């Protein structure tokens, strides 16, 4: 799942080297934490949250095929470091 999010997000941002994706798994749920450079936050969120919602939808489709639950959290850069 981490590879899917990384690929999608790096394709959208202007500073792909600043993209940090971590994956935390437990029994039933996988939490993907995403951090991007501050100027790229708007690109990832999109107008009305459409871009981040689309990324979440793609993740949920893949997770359903694997029989898992997945959540995507968008964090500010300073929360990850």
C-alpha atoms as a PDB file:
ATOM      1  CA  UNK A   1       0.000   0.000   0.000  1.00  0.00           C
ATOM      2  CA  UNK A   2       2.867   2.331   0.845  1.00  0.00           C
ATOM      3  CA  UNK A   3       4.247   2.006  -2.692  1.00  0.00           C
ATOM      4  CA  UNK A   4       0.910   3.013  -4.234  1.00  0.00           C
ATOM      5  CA  UNK A   5       0.629   6.159  -2.114  1.00  0.00           C
ATOM      6  CA  UNK A   6       4.266   7.077  -2.749  1.00  0.00           C
ATOM      7  CA  UNK A   7       3.849   6.719  -6.501  1.00  0.00           C
ATOM      8  CA  UNK A   8       0.641   8.764  -6.637  1.00  0.00           C
ATOM      9  CA  UNK A   9       1.854  11.557  -4.383  1.00  0.00           C
ATOM     10  CA  UNK A  10       5.304  11.905  -5.959  1.00  0.00           C
ATOM     11  CA  UNK A  11       3.579  12.280  -9.320  1.00  0.00           C
ATOM     12  CA  UNK A  12       1.513  15.213  -8.018  1.00  0.00           C
ATOM     13  CA  UNK A  13       3.970  17.324  -6.024  1.00  0.00           C
ATOM     14  CA  UNK A  14       6.678  19.743  -7.089  1.00  0.00           C
ATOM     15  CA  UNK A  15       9.102  18.505  -4.419  1.00  0.00           C
ATOM     16  CA  UNK A  16       8.974  14.685  -4.569  1.00  0.00           C
ATOM     17  CA  UNK A  17      12.124  14.389  -2.459  1.00  0.00           C
ATOM     18  CA  UNK A  18      10.141  15.811   0.489  1.00  0.00           C
ATOM     19  CA  UNK A  19       7.474  13.077   0.369  1.00  0.00           C
ATOM     20  CA  UNK A  20       7.533  10.825   3.433  1.00  0.00           C
ATOM     21  CA  UNK A  21       5.199   7.834   3.619  1.00  0.00           C
ATOM     22  CA  UNK A  22       5.113   5.490   6.599  1.00  0.00           C
ATOM     23  CA  UNK A  23       2.937   2.447   7.098  1.00  0.00           C
ATOM     24  CA  UNK A  24       1.737   1.253  10.493  1.00  0.00           C
ATOM     25  CA  UNK A  25      -0.026  -2.100  10.570  1.00  0.00           C
ATOM     26  CA  UNK A  26      -1.994  -3.878  13.232  1.00  0.00           C
ATOM     27  CA  UNK A  27      -4.290  -6.869  12.940  1.00  0.00           C
ATOM     28  CA  UNK A  28      -7.147  -5.343  10.969  1.00  0.00           C
ATOM     29  CA  UNK A  29      -6.118  -1.834   9.962  1.00  0.00           C
ATOM     30  CA  UNK A  30      -3.216  -0.274   8.112  1.00  0.00           C
ATOM     31  CA  UNK A  31      -2.574   3.412   8.751  1.00  0.00           C
ATOM     32  CA  UNK A  32      -0.610   5.268   6.084  1.00  0.00           C
ATOM     33  CA  UNK A  33       0.932   8.520   7.295  1.00  0.00           C
ATOM     34  CA  UNK A  34       1.793  11.002   4.550  1.00  0.00           C
ATOM     35  CA  UNK A  35       3.884  14.136   4.801  1.00  0.00           C
ATOM     36  CA  UNK A  36       4.747  16.533   1.969  1.00  0.00           C
ATOM     37  CA  UNK A  37       6.476  19.908   1.743  1.00  0.00           C
ATOM     38  CA  UNK A  38       4.306  22.807   2.937  1.00  0.00           C
ATOM     39  CA  UNK A  39       3.917  24.348  -0.561  1.00  0.00           C
ATOM     40  CA  UNK A  40       2.628  20.986  -1.882  1.00  0.00           C
ATOM     41  CA  UNK A  41      -0.097  20.516   0.745  1.00  0.00           C
ATOM     42  CA  UNK A  42      -2.661  22.273  -1.440  1.00  0.00           C
ATOM     43  CA  UNK A  43      -1.837  20.021  -4.391  1.00  0.00           C
ATOM     44  CA  UNK A  44      -2.415  16.903  -2.302  1.00  0.00           C
ATOM     45  CA  UNK A  45      -5.609  18.144  -0.667  1.00  0.00           C
ATOM     46  CA  UNK A  46      -7.044  19.597  -3.870  1.00  0.00           C
ATOM     47  CA  UNK A  47     -10.082  21.813  -4.260  1.00  0.00           C
ATOM     48  CA  UNK A  48     -12.635  20.759  -1.705  1.00  0.00           C
ATOM     49  CA  UNK A  49     -10.456  17.782  -0.721  1.00  0.00           C
ATOM     50  CA  UNK A  50     -11.047  16.003  -4.006  1.00  0.00           C
ATOM     51  CA  UNK A  51      -7.448  14.855  -4.592  1.00  0.00           C
ATOM     52  CA  UNK A  52      -6.902  13.389  -1.119  1.00  0.00           C
ATOM     53  CA  UNK A  53     -10.344  11.752  -1.285  1.00  0.00           C
ATOM     54  CA  UNK A  54      -9.433  10.157  -4.624  1.00  0.00           C
ATOM     55  CA  UNK A  55      -6.183   8.799  -3.189  1.00  0.00           C
ATOM     56  CA  UNK A  56      -8.109   7.378  -0.225  1.00  0.00           C
ATOM     57  CA  UNK A  57     -10.625   5.741  -2.579  1.00  0.00           C
ATOM     58  CA  UNK A  58      -7.858   4.049  -4.593  1.00  0.00           C
ATOM     59  CA  UNK A  59      -6.284   2.801  -1.382  1.00  0.00           C
ATOM     60  CA  UNK A  60      -9.571   1.407  -0.126  1.00  0.00           C
ATOM     61  CA  UNK A  61     -10.138  -0.480  -3.372  1.00  0.00           C
ATOM     62  CA  UNK A  62      -6.726  -2.097  -3.143  1.00  0.00           C
ATOM     63  CA  UNK A  63      -7.201  -2.831   0.563  1.00  0.00           C
ATOM     64  CA  UNK A  64     -10.575  -4.466  -0.105  1.00  0.00           C
ATOM     65  CA  UNK A  65      -8.920  -6.821  -2.577  1.00  0.00           C
ATOM     66  CA  UNK A  66      -6.439  -7.752   0.159  1.00  0.00           C
ATOM     67  CA  UNK A  67      -9.183  -8.090   2.790  1.00  0.00           C
ATOM     68  CA  UNK A  68      -7.795  -5.254   4.921  1.00  0.00           C
ATOM     69  CA  UNK A  69      -8.885  -1.844   6.209  1.00  0.00           C
ATOM     70  CA  UNK A  70      -6.763   1.177   5.425  1.00  0.00           C
ATOM     71  CA  UNK A  71      -6.679   4.805   6.515  1.00  0.00           C
ATOM     72  CA  UNK A  72      -4.647   7.709   5.123  1.00  0.00           C
ATOM     73  CA  UNK A  73      -3.523  10.498   7.429  1.00  0.00           C
ATOM     74  CA  UNK A  74      -2.039  13.665   5.954  1.00  0.00           C
ATOM     75  CA  UNK A  75       0.396  15.152   8.448  1.00  0.00           C
ATOM     76  CA  UNK A  76       2.214  18.434   8.485  1.00  0.00           C
ATOM     77  CA  UNK A  77       5.929  18.039   7.722  1.00  0.00           C
ATOM     78  CA  UNK A  78       7.061  18.877  11.254  1.00  0.00           C
ATOM     79  CA  UNK A  79       4.867  16.101  12.721  1.00  0.00           C
ATOM     80  CA  UNK A  80       6.832  13.437  10.828  1.00  0.00           C
ATOM     81  CA  UNK A  81      10.356  14.570  11.623  1.00  0.00           C
END
